Amino acid sequence: MRYGWSMPAVALTIAGSDPSGGAGIQADLKTFHQFGVYGEAVITLLTVQNSQTVSQVEVLSADLVAQQIQAVAADIPPNAAKTGALGSVEIVEAVAQLAGKFSFPLVVDPVMVSKPGKRLLSAEAQRALQQMLFPHAFLITPNLPETEALTGMSIQTEEDTADAAERLLDLGCKAVLIKGGHRSGQPDDFLADRDHKMILPGTRVTGVHTHGTGCTYSAAITACLALGHCLDEAVSRAKSYIQRAIQEAPQLGRGHGPLNHFANTSAPSDPLYRSRR
């Protein structure tokens, strides 16, 4: 063994492919690497997309997705995993069946619609996600439109957000992070489990270069969990990273361009990141 060498933490993403590199497994793997985590990727669907449009989505077979997960888990088991776009009821069911045996935390990003507006999950698959996969999730990370779709609520106030979080926890997940990027004002996020609630403040950045924000955020949380951080610390570090990644977006593409996946991953210094209620 070489002096100073140690086994790296491993994270797995189960998600769709974005050939433009801003979202999906491409964004996840870049984020894992930036946090010093070895990344594995199971592809669920292929897309034809860039920063301006998604013109085609090809969903893989559930059996192929399941075999990919089994192959990597048997040889290089991850310390944490995440899901992104799953694409079909059958894939949701296959992932849920395997997730019931996971010995590591699973972050579920309930991706329903792409940035250009292409729907990536049917209503039937959404129900399967809620009923079958959420009970195996350590954390789910919906944005506000996804939260409204999952709960049937209209979310206008902080009290609405807290009520929605309770409804999502009732679906069986251990914790929920409701992302505030779609709200008016500052993009504050709301983290809750059965024992406490936590507000993670953000600063609004003007511009359109936010492609892959949800994927990158959930991947950063997964990387931090793989490194052994507790949930509060993992989400705080990921929030700090995603804020920098948006602020430092490289201005690529003629539409909704990607974030800066080379952003600094250091821990936040603002004590508000750990405010509890």
Protein backbone atom coordinates (compact mmCIF):
# COMPACT_ATOMS: atom_id res chain seq x y z
CA MET A 1 0.00 0.00 0.00
CA ARG A 2 1.27 3.45 -0.89
CA TYR A 3 2.00 5.82 1.98
CA GLY A 4 -0.91 8.18 2.67
CA TRP A 5 -3.34 6.33 0.42
CA SER A 6 -6.80 5.42 1.66
CA MET A 7 -9.97 4.04 0.15
CA PRO A 8 -12.15 6.85 -1.23
CA ALA A 9 -15.79 7.34 -0.34
CA VAL A 10 -18.11 6.08 -3.08
CA ALA A 11 -21.40 7.59 -4.28
CA LEU A 12 -23.87 6.20 -6.81
CA THR A 13 -26.24 8.13 -9.04
CA ILE A 14 -29.25 6.45 -10.67
CA ALA A 15 -30.46 8.97 -13.22
CA GLY A 16 -30.84 10.08 -16.81
CA SER A 17 -28.18 11.25 -19.23
CA ASP A 18 -27.82 14.87 -20.35
CA PRO A 19 -25.42 15.06 -23.34
CA SER A 20 -24.88 18.79 -22.74
CA GLY A 21 -23.30 17.91 -19.39
CA GLY A 22 -25.28 20.33 -17.24
CA ALA A 23 -27.70 17.97 -15.54
CA GLY A 24 -28.34 14.27 -14.96
CA ILE A 25 -25.57 11.78 -14.41
CA GLN A 26 -23.01 14.08 -16.01
CA ALA A 27 -23.66 16.81 -13.44
CA ASP A 28 -23.79 14.23 -10.63
CA LEU A 29 -20.42 12.72 -11.50
CA LYS A 30 -18.78 16.15 -11.78
CA THR A 31 -20.17 17.06 -8.37
CA PHE A 32 -19.05 13.80 -6.76
CA HIS A 33 -15.54 14.36 -8.13
CA GLN A 34 -15.42 17.95 -6.87
CA PHE A 35 -16.17 16.70 -3.35
CA GLY A 36 -13.43 14.09 -3.61
CA VAL A 37 -15.86 11.18 -3.88
CA TYR A 38 -15.59 8.29 -6.35
CA GLY A 39 -18.69 8.32 -8.53
CA GLU A 40 -20.67 5.45 -10.06
CA ALA A 41 -23.56 5.97 -12.48
CA VAL A 42 -26.55 3.86 -13.47
CA ILE A 43 -28.35 5.26 -16.52
CA THR A 44 -32.16 5.19 -16.55
CA LEU A 45 -32.92 7.17 -19.69
CA LEU A 46 -31.24 8.93 -22.60
CA THR A 47 -32.16 12.42 -23.71
CA VAL A 48 -31.52 14.59 -26.74
CA GLN A 49 -31.09 18.00 -25.16
CA ASN A 50 -29.00 21.11 -24.79
CA SER A 51 -29.38 24.35 -22.85
CA GLN A 52 -32.38 25.34 -24.99
CA THR A 53 -34.52 22.27 -25.51
CA VAL A 54 -35.23 18.61 -24.86
CA SER A 55 -36.34 17.02 -28.11
CA GLN A 56 -36.35 13.31 -27.28
CA VAL A 57 -36.35 10.99 -24.25
CA GLU A 58 -35.61 7.27 -24.53
CA VAL A 59 -36.31 5.30 -21.34
CA LEU A 60 -34.29 2.13 -20.75
CA SER A 61 -35.80 -1.16 -19.64
CA ALA A 62 -36.32 -1.64 -15.91
CA ASP A 63 -34.42 -4.92 -16.03
CA LEU A 64 -31.36 -3.23 -17.52
CA VAL A 65 -31.47 -0.53 -14.85
CA ALA A 66 -31.78 -3.13 -12.10
CA GLN A 67 -28.87 -5.14 -13.48
CA GLN A 68 -26.68 -2.02 -13.54
CA ILE A 69 -27.44 -1.32 -9.88
CA GLN A 70 -26.78 -4.92 -8.87
CA ALA A 71 -23.50 -5.01 -10.79
CA VAL A 72 -21.96 -1.95 -9.16
CA ALA A 73 -23.36 -2.70 -5.69
CA ALA A 74 -21.90 -6.21 -5.73
CA ASP A 75 -18.41 -5.02 -6.65
CA ILE A 76 -17.98 -1.43 -5.43
CA PRO A 77 -20.81 -0.79 -2.94
CA PRO A 78 -21.52 2.93 -2.43
CA ASN A 79 -21.51 4.79 0.86
CA ALA A 80 -24.54 6.78 -0.35
CA ALA A 81 -26.73 6.93 -3.45
CA LYS A 82 -29.20 9.24 -5.17
CA THR A 83 -31.89 8.97 -7.78
CA GLY A 84 -32.77 11.53 -10.42
CA ALA A 85 -35.00 11.09 -13.45
CA LEU A 86 -36.37 7.52 -13.38
CA GLY A 87 -38.67 7.75 -16.38
CA SER A 88 -41.19 4.93 -15.91
CA VAL A 89 -43.33 3.08 -13.41
CA GLU A 90 -41.32 -0.08 -14.03
CA ILE A 91 -38.01 1.61 -13.24
CA VAL A 92 -39.41 3.19 -10.09
CA GLU A 93 -40.65 -0.22 -8.96
CA ALA A 94 -37.33 -1.91 -9.76
CA VAL A 95 -35.29 0.73 -7.92
CA ALA A 96 -37.67 0.62 -4.96
CA GLN A 97 -37.37 -3.15 -4.69
CA LEU A 98 -33.59 -2.92 -4.59
CA ALA A 99 -33.60 0.12 -2.30
CA GLY A 100 -35.33 -1.93 0.35
CA LYS A 101 -32.04 -3.81 0.76
CA PHE A 102 -29.71 -0.79 0.67
CA SER A 103 -27.47 -0.48 3.71
CA PHE A 104 -26.54 3.12 2.79
CA PRO A 105 -28.58 6.36 2.69
CA LEU A 106 -30.62 7.07 -0.44
CA VAL A 107 -31.39 10.61 -1.58
CA VAL A 108 -34.42 10.80 -3.88
CA ASP A 109 -34.63 13.83 -6.15
CA PRO A 110 -38.17 13.51 -7.58
CA VAL A 111 -37.37 14.83 -11.04
CA MET A 112 -40.63 15.30 -12.94
CA VAL A 113 -39.97 18.00 -15.54
CA SER A 114 -36.77 19.09 -17.29
CA LYS A 115 -35.63 22.73 -17.26
CA PRO A 116 -37.05 23.39 -20.77
CA GLY A 117 -40.39 21.93 -19.64
CA LYS A 118 -40.27 18.35 -20.98
CA ARG A 119 -42.13 15.98 -18.63
CA LEU A 120 -39.88 13.14 -17.49
CA LEU A 121 -42.30 11.27 -15.21
CA SER A 122 -45.91 10.27 -15.81
CA ALA A 123 -48.66 10.69 -13.21
CA GLU A 124 -48.68 6.92 -12.70
CA ALA A 125 -44.93 6.86 -12.14
CA GLN A 126 -45.27 9.77 -9.72
CA ARG A 127 -47.71 7.72 -7.62
CA ALA A 128 -45.29 4.79 -7.66
CA LEU A 129 -42.52 7.12 -6.54
CA GLN A 130 -44.60 8.26 -3.57
CA GLN A 131 -45.91 4.85 -2.59
CA MET A 132 -42.93 2.60 -3.28
CA LEU A 133 -39.67 4.59 -3.29
CA PHE A 134 -40.21 7.38 -0.76
CA PRO A 135 -40.49 4.89 2.16
CA HIS A 136 -36.90 3.82 1.42
CA ALA A 137 -35.53 7.37 1.15
CA PHE A 138 -33.23 8.88 3.72
CA LEU A 139 -34.00 12.28 2.17
CA ILE A 140 -36.21 13.57 -0.63
CA THR A 141 -35.41 16.90 -2.31
CA PRO A 142 -38.43 18.35 -4.17
CA ASN A 143 -38.57 21.91 -5.42
CA LEU A 144 -41.73 23.95 -4.82
CA PRO A 145 -43.65 22.87 -7.97
CA GLU A 146 -42.76 19.24 -7.24
CA THR A 147 -43.84 19.67 -3.62
CA GLU A 148 -47.17 21.06 -4.73
CA ALA A 149 -47.65 18.18 -7.16
CA LEU A 150 -46.74 15.60 -4.51
CA THR A 151 -48.94 17.07 -1.77
CA GLY A 152 -51.79 18.66 -3.73
CA MET A 153 -51.14 21.92 -1.84
CA SER A 154 -50.68 25.48 -2.98
CA ILE A 155 -47.59 26.71 -1.14
CA GLN A 156 -47.49 30.45 -0.47
CA THR A 157 -46.15 30.90 3.07
CA GLU A 158 -43.56 29.44 5.41
CA GLU A 159 -46.40 27.75 7.29
CA ASP A 160 -47.55 26.12 4.04
CA THR A 161 -44.02 24.84 3.50
CA ALA A 162 -43.90 23.34 6.99
CA ASP A 163 -47.29 21.67 6.48
CA ALA A 164 -46.17 20.27 3.13
CA ALA A 165 -43.03 18.86 4.72
CA GLU A 166 -45.18 17.04 7.29
CA ARG A 167 -47.31 15.54 4.51
CA LEU A 168 -44.20 14.33 2.70
CA LEU A 169 -42.79 12.82 5.88
CA ASP A 170 -46.06 10.93 6.25
CA LEU A 171 -45.22 9.16 2.98
CA GLY A 172 -42.40 7.35 4.79
CA CYS A 173 -39.18 9.22 3.99
CA LYS A 174 -36.92 10.03 6.94
CA ALA A 175 -36.33 13.67 5.97
CA VAL A 176 -37.39 16.20 3.37
CA LEU A 177 -35.64 19.22 1.85
CA ILE A 178 -38.06 21.59 0.12
CA LYS A 179 -36.00 23.79 -2.18
CA GLY A 180 -36.99 27.45 -2.44
CA GLY A 181 -35.55 28.43 -5.80
CA HIS A 182 -39.02 28.88 -7.32
CA ARG A 183 -40.36 31.10 -4.53
CA SER A 184 -40.51 34.89 -4.77
CA GLY A 185 -37.86 36.67 -2.77
CA GLN A 186 -34.82 34.86 -1.48
CA PRO A 187 -34.42 31.13 -2.32
CA ASP A 188 -34.47 29.80 1.24
CA ASP A 189 -34.71 26.02 1.64
CA PHE A 190 -36.58 24.13 4.35
CA LEU A 191 -35.16 20.93 5.87
CA ALA A 192 -37.30 18.82 8.18
CA ASP A 193 -37.40 15.45 9.84
CA ARG A 194 -39.59 14.21 12.69
CA ASP A 195 -37.41 15.86 15.33
CA HIS A 196 -36.50 19.30 14.02
CA LYS A 197 -36.81 21.87 11.26
CA MET A 198 -34.05 23.97 9.73
CA ILE A 199 -34.02 26.94 7.35
CA LEU A 200 -31.13 27.28 4.93
CA PRO A 201 -31.03 30.84 3.58
CA GLY A 202 -30.01 31.58 0.02
CA THR A 203 -29.26 34.64 -2.06
CA ARG A 204 -31.14 35.22 -5.31
CA VAL A 205 -28.87 35.29 -8.36
CA THR A 206 -30.29 36.92 -11.46
CA GLY A 207 -29.82 35.17 -14.78
CA VAL A 208 -30.84 32.02 -16.62
CA HIS A 209 -27.81 29.80 -16.07
CA THR A 210 -29.39 27.38 -13.60
CA HIS A 211 -29.57 24.18 -15.66
CA GLY A 212 -28.98 21.15 -13.46
CA THR A 213 -29.41 22.95 -10.13
CA GLY A 214 -31.55 20.21 -8.59
CA CYS A 215 -29.31 17.40 -9.83
CA THR A 216 -26.17 19.14 -8.60
CA TYR A 217 -27.65 20.01 -5.22
CA SER A 218 -28.83 16.46 -4.50
CA ALA A 219 -25.51 15.07 -5.75
CA ALA A 220 -23.61 17.36 -3.39
CA ILE A 221 -25.75 16.17 -0.48
CA THR A 222 -25.13 12.55 -1.50
CA ALA A 223 -21.39 13.15 -1.71
CA CYS A 224 -21.35 14.66 1.78
CA LEU A 225 -23.35 11.75 3.18
CA ALA A 226 -20.89 9.35 1.54
CA LEU A 227 -18.09 11.23 3.30
CA GLY A 228 -19.81 10.58 6.64
CA HIS A 229 -21.38 13.96 7.39
CA CYS A 230 -24.64 14.07 9.31
CA LEU A 231 -27.73 15.25 7.44
CA ASP A 232 -27.65 18.87 8.68
CA GLU A 233 -23.99 19.22 7.79
CA ALA A 234 -24.41 17.50 4.42
CA VAL A 235 -27.27 19.79 3.39
CA SER A 236 -25.51 22.90 4.71
CA ARG A 237 -22.34 22.12 2.76
CA ALA A 238 -24.34 21.31 -0.36
CA LYS A 239 -26.35 24.54 -0.07
CA SER A 240 -23.15 26.57 0.19
CA TYR A 241 -21.71 24.78 -2.85
CA ILE A 242 -24.82 25.23 -5.00
CA GLN A 243 -24.96 28.95 -4.12
CA ARG A 244 -21.40 29.39 -5.36
CA ALA A 245 -21.99 27.21 -8.41
CA ILE A 246 -24.91 29.40 -9.51
CA GLN A 247 -23.08 32.65 -8.77
CA GLU A 248 -20.06 31.47 -10.78
CA ALA A 249 -21.95 29.93 -13.72
CA PRO A 250 -19.64 29.86 -16.77
CA GLN A 251 -22.20 31.43 -19.13
CA LEU A 252 -22.24 28.48 -21.52
CA GLY A 253 -25.06 27.84 -23.97
CA ARG A 254 -27.73 30.03 -25.51
CA GLY A 255 -30.49 28.96 -23.13
CA HIS A 256 -30.49 27.79 -19.52
CA GLY A 257 -26.77 27.13 -19.21
CA PRO A 258 -24.99 24.96 -16.64
CA LEU A 259 -23.61 25.81 -13.22
CA ASN A 260 -19.96 25.98 -12.26
CA HIS A 261 -19.23 22.45 -11.05
CA PHE A 262 -15.70 23.58 -10.16
CA ALA A 263 -17.08 25.78 -7.34
CA ASN A 264 -15.46 25.64 -3.93
CA THR A 265 -16.84 22.92 -1.64
CA SER A 266 -15.76 24.39 1.70
CA ALA A 267 -18.22 24.46 4.58
CA PRO A 268 -20.50 27.48 5.08
CA SER A 269 -19.53 30.00 7.74
CA ASP A 270 -22.94 31.68 8.13
CA PRO A 271 -24.51 30.46 11.42
CA LEU A 272 -27.98 30.84 9.89
CA TYR A 273 -27.31 27.65 8.00
CA ARG A 274 -27.83 25.83 11.26
CA SER A 275 -30.82 27.77 12.56
CA ARG A 276 -33.34 25.45 14.16
CA ARG A 277 -36.92 25.91 15.22
